[in-house]
Amino acid sequence: QVQLVESGGGLVQTGGSLRLSCAASGRTFSPYGMGWSRQTPGKGREFVATISWYGGGTNYADSVKGRFTISGDANKNTVYLQMNSLKPEDTAVYYCNAHDSLGTYWGQGTQVTVSS
């Protein structure tokens, strides 16, 4: 069983910053990479960012490029999302994910609310 636990969400004003963290634990686990997605009520889950543990490559949604930075520690299976210049449209539940040869795993989510 693999568990992902997010932390760091909260309420912030427009233009502010937050840093999300996610740690994976459980059975021996060697994911290809980890990432973040987000979801708002009535909408599907939206890709935000991902990082590969093989080569360290990163990828971002166009809506967050230049404002969000994903980083992590492959040895600890921990991933972070530094979110700067936050906008009200960034308000969502943010989910951590990880994937290996057996599937994709998700955390329980952490709420991020950006007030205008």
C-alpha atoms as a PDB file:
ATOM      1  CA  GLN A   1       0.000   0.000   0.000  1.00  0.00           C
ATOM      2  CA  VAL A   2       1.307   3.430  -0.976  1.00  0.00           C
ATOM      3  CA  GLN A   3       0.190   6.540   0.882  1.00  0.00           C
ATOM      4  CA  LEU A   4       0.699  10.130  -0.186  1.00  0.00           C
ATOM      5  CA  VAL A   5       0.207  12.874   2.380  1.00  0.00           C
ATOM      6  CA  GLU A   6       0.001  16.532   1.373  1.00  0.00           C
ATOM      7  CA  SER A   7       0.458  19.563   3.587  1.00  0.00           C
ATOM      8  CA  GLY A   8       0.882  23.310   3.243  1.00  0.00           C
ATOM      9  CA  GLY A   9      -2.454  24.457   1.879  1.00  0.00           C
ATOM     10  CA  GLY A  10      -4.315  27.415   3.296  1.00  0.00           C
ATOM     11  CA  LEU A  11      -5.750  30.866   2.685  1.00  0.00           C
ATOM     12  CA  VAL A  12      -3.645  33.546   1.018  1.00  0.00           C
ATOM     13  CA  GLN A  13      -4.288  36.894  -0.618  1.00  0.00           C
ATOM     14  CA  THR A  14      -3.873  37.545  -4.323  1.00  0.00           C
ATOM     15  CA  GLY A  15      -0.188  37.879  -5.124  1.00  0.00           C
ATOM     16  CA  GLY A  16       0.869  35.810  -2.143  1.00  0.00           C
ATOM     17  CA  SER A  17       2.792  32.549  -1.952  1.00  0.00           C
ATOM     18  CA  LEU A  18       2.309  29.068  -0.565  1.00  0.00           C
ATOM     19  CA  ARG A  19       4.461  25.954  -0.546  1.00  0.00           C
ATOM     20  CA  LEU A  20       2.856  22.545  -0.730  1.00  0.00           C
ATOM     21  CA  SER A  21       4.621  19.378   0.383  1.00  0.00           C
ATOM     22  CA  CYS A  22       3.876  15.737  -0.271  1.00  0.00           C
ATOM     23  CA  ALA A  23       5.540  12.653   1.127  1.00  0.00           C
ATOM     24  CA  ALA A  24       5.028   9.083  -0.042  1.00  0.00           C
ATOM     25  CA  SER A  25       5.242   6.129   2.291  1.00  0.00           C
ATOM     26  CA  GLY A  26       4.305   2.495   2.397  1.00  0.00           C
ATOM     27  CA  ARG A  27       5.631  -0.523   0.582  1.00  0.00           C
ATOM     28  CA  THR A  28       8.928  -0.408  -1.246  1.00  0.00           C
ATOM     29  CA  PHE A  29       8.161   2.253  -3.768  1.00  0.00           C
ATOM     30  CA  SER A  30      10.208   3.519  -6.687  1.00  0.00           C
ATOM     31  CA  PRO A  31       8.057   5.876  -8.716  1.00  0.00           C
ATOM     32  CA  TYR A  32       9.059   7.244 -12.082  1.00  0.00           C
ATOM     33  CA  GLY A  33       8.128  10.671 -10.819  1.00  0.00           C
ATOM     34  CA  MET A  34       5.675  12.713  -8.827  1.00  0.00           C
ATOM     35  CA  GLY A  35       3.415  15.625  -9.526  1.00  0.00           C
ATOM     36  CA  TRP A  36       0.500  17.845  -8.653  1.00  0.00           C
ATOM     37  CA  SER A  37      -2.988  18.270 -10.000  1.00  0.00           C
ATOM     38  CA  ARG A  38      -5.879  20.417  -8.819  1.00  0.00           C
ATOM     39  CA  GLN A  39      -9.646  20.335  -8.866  1.00  0.00           C
ATOM     40  CA  THR A  40     -12.405  22.877  -8.347  1.00  0.00           C
ATOM     41  CA  PRO A  41     -16.089  22.084  -7.725  1.00  0.00           C
ATOM     42  CA  GLY A  42     -17.850  21.066 -10.902  1.00  0.00           C
ATOM     43  CA  LYS A  43     -14.653  20.651 -12.889  1.00  0.00           C
ATOM     44  CA  GLY A  44     -12.386  17.726 -13.599  1.00  0.00           C
ATOM     45  CA  ARG A  45      -8.953  17.285 -12.165  1.00  0.00           C
ATOM     46  CA  GLU A  46      -6.446  19.537 -13.911  1.00  0.00           C
ATOM     47  CA  PHE A  47      -2.756  18.832 -14.412  1.00  0.00           C
ATOM     48  CA  VAL A  48      -0.491  21.359 -12.701  1.00  0.00           C
ATOM     49  CA  ALA A  49       3.096  20.110 -12.711  1.00  0.00           C
ATOM     50  CA  THR A  50       5.203  16.993 -12.725  1.00  0.00           C
ATOM     51  CA  ILE A  51       8.811  16.059 -12.066  1.00  0.00           C
ATOM     52  CA  SER A  52      10.677  12.988 -13.267  1.00  0.00           C
ATOM     53  CA  TRP A  53      13.020  11.165 -10.935  1.00  0.00           C
ATOM     54  CA  TYR A  54      14.980  10.040 -14.002  1.00  0.00           C
ATOM     55  CA  GLY A  55      16.761  13.104 -15.288  1.00  0.00           C
ATOM     56  CA  GLY A  56      14.863  15.562 -13.134  1.00  0.00           C
ATOM     57  CA  GLY A  57      12.812  16.960 -15.992  1.00  0.00           C
ATOM     58  CA  THR A  58       9.797  19.090 -15.113  1.00  0.00           C
ATOM     59  CA  ASN A  59       6.609  19.990 -16.901  1.00  0.00           C
ATOM     60  CA  TYR A  60       4.000  22.640 -16.118  1.00  0.00           C
ATOM     61  CA  ALA A  61       0.524  23.598 -17.171  1.00  0.00           C
ATOM     62  CA  ASP A  62       0.525  26.814 -19.178  1.00  0.00           C
ATOM     63  CA  SER A  63      -1.624  28.466 -16.534  1.00  0.00           C
ATOM     64  CA  VAL A  64       1.088  28.169 -13.866  1.00  0.00           C
ATOM     65  CA  LYS A  65       4.305  28.512 -15.881  1.00  0.00           C
ATOM     66  CA  GLY A  66       6.563  31.179 -14.445  1.00  0.00           C
ATOM     67  CA  ARG A  67       4.673  31.248 -11.148  1.00  0.00           C
ATOM     68  CA  PHE A  68       4.867  27.698  -9.773  1.00  0.00           C
ATOM     69  CA  THR A  69       7.986  25.595  -9.253  1.00  0.00           C
ATOM     70  CA  ILE A  70       8.003  21.866  -8.618  1.00  0.00           C
ATOM     71  CA  SER A  71      10.924  20.229  -6.861  1.00  0.00           C
ATOM     72  CA  GLY A  72      11.576  17.139  -4.847  1.00  0.00           C
ATOM     73  CA  ASP A  73      13.813  14.513  -3.366  1.00  0.00           C
ATOM     74  CA  ALA A  74      13.760  11.185  -5.166  1.00  0.00           C
ATOM     75  CA  ASN A  75      15.498   9.398  -2.297  1.00  0.00           C
ATOM     76  CA  LYS A  76      12.740  10.463   0.082  1.00  0.00           C
ATOM     77  CA  ASN A  77       9.876  10.314  -2.431  1.00  0.00           C
ATOM     78  CA  THR A  78       8.968  13.825  -1.440  1.00  0.00           C
ATOM     79  CA  VAL A  79       7.720  16.521  -3.787  1.00  0.00           C
ATOM     80  CA  TYR A  80       7.098  20.240  -3.275  1.00  0.00           C
ATOM     81  CA  LEU A  81       5.165  22.886  -5.130  1.00  0.00           C
ATOM     82  CA  GLN A  82       6.223  26.478  -4.593  1.00  0.00           C
ATOM     83  CA  MET A  83       3.373  28.714  -5.687  1.00  0.00           C
ATOM     84  CA  ASN A  84       4.070  32.421  -6.173  1.00  0.00           C
ATOM     85  CA  SER A  85       1.977  35.287  -7.520  1.00  0.00           C
ATOM     86  CA  LEU A  86      -1.174  33.382  -6.648  1.00  0.00           C
ATOM     87  CA  LYS A  87      -4.435  34.346  -8.320  1.00  0.00           C
ATOM     88  CA  PRO A  88      -8.051  33.694  -7.297  1.00  0.00           C
ATOM     89  CA  GLU A  89      -8.314  31.218 -10.185  1.00  0.00           C
ATOM     90  CA  ASP A  90      -5.655  29.097  -8.478  1.00  0.00           C
ATOM     91  CA  THR A  91      -8.188  28.311  -5.749  1.00  0.00           C
ATOM     92  CA  ALA A  92      -8.667  24.535  -5.724  1.00  0.00           C
ATOM     93  CA  VAL A  93      -7.974  21.325  -3.898  1.00  0.00           C
ATOM     94  CA  TYR A  94      -4.438  20.331  -4.803  1.00  0.00           C
ATOM     95  CA  TYR A  95      -3.618  16.637  -5.105  1.00  0.00           C
ATOM     96  CA  CYS A  96      -0.222  15.033  -5.042  1.00  0.00           C
ATOM     97  CA  ASN A  97       0.352  12.022  -7.275  1.00  0.00           C
ATOM     98  CA  ALA A  98       3.029   9.464  -7.990  1.00  0.00           C
ATOM     99  CA  HIS A  99       3.278   6.740 -10.568  1.00  0.00           C
ATOM    100  CA  ASP A 100       5.212   3.524 -10.976  1.00  0.00           C
ATOM    101  CA  SER A 101       4.869   0.366 -13.059  1.00  0.00           C
ATOM    102  CA  LEU A 102       1.866  -0.740 -11.006  1.00  0.00           C
ATOM    103  CA  GLY A 103      -0.217   2.398 -11.289  1.00  0.00           C
ATOM    104  CA  THR A 104      -0.843   5.968 -10.190  1.00  0.00           C
ATOM    105  CA  TYR A 105      -1.377   6.926  -6.580  1.00  0.00           C
ATOM    106  CA  TRP A 106      -3.085  10.008  -5.145  1.00  0.00           C
ATOM    107  CA  GLY A 107      -3.059  11.895  -1.901  1.00  0.00           C
ATOM    108  CA  GLN A 108      -6.172  13.098  -0.098  1.00  0.00           C
ATOM    109  CA  GLY A 109      -5.759  16.679  -1.243  1.00  0.00           C
ATOM    110  CA  THR A 110      -5.087  19.999   0.419  1.00  0.00           C
ATOM    111  CA  GLN A 111      -7.209  23.125  -0.016  1.00  0.00           C
ATOM    112  CA  VAL A 112      -5.673  26.279  -1.417  1.00  0.00           C
ATOM    113  CA  THR A 113      -7.824  29.401  -1.329  1.00  0.00           C
ATOM    114  CA  VAL A 114      -6.705  32.693  -2.866  1.00  0.00           C
ATOM    115  CA  SER A 115      -8.760  35.710  -1.854  1.00  0.00           C
ATOM    116  CA  SER A 116      -9.166  38.712  -4.124  1.00  0.00           C
END
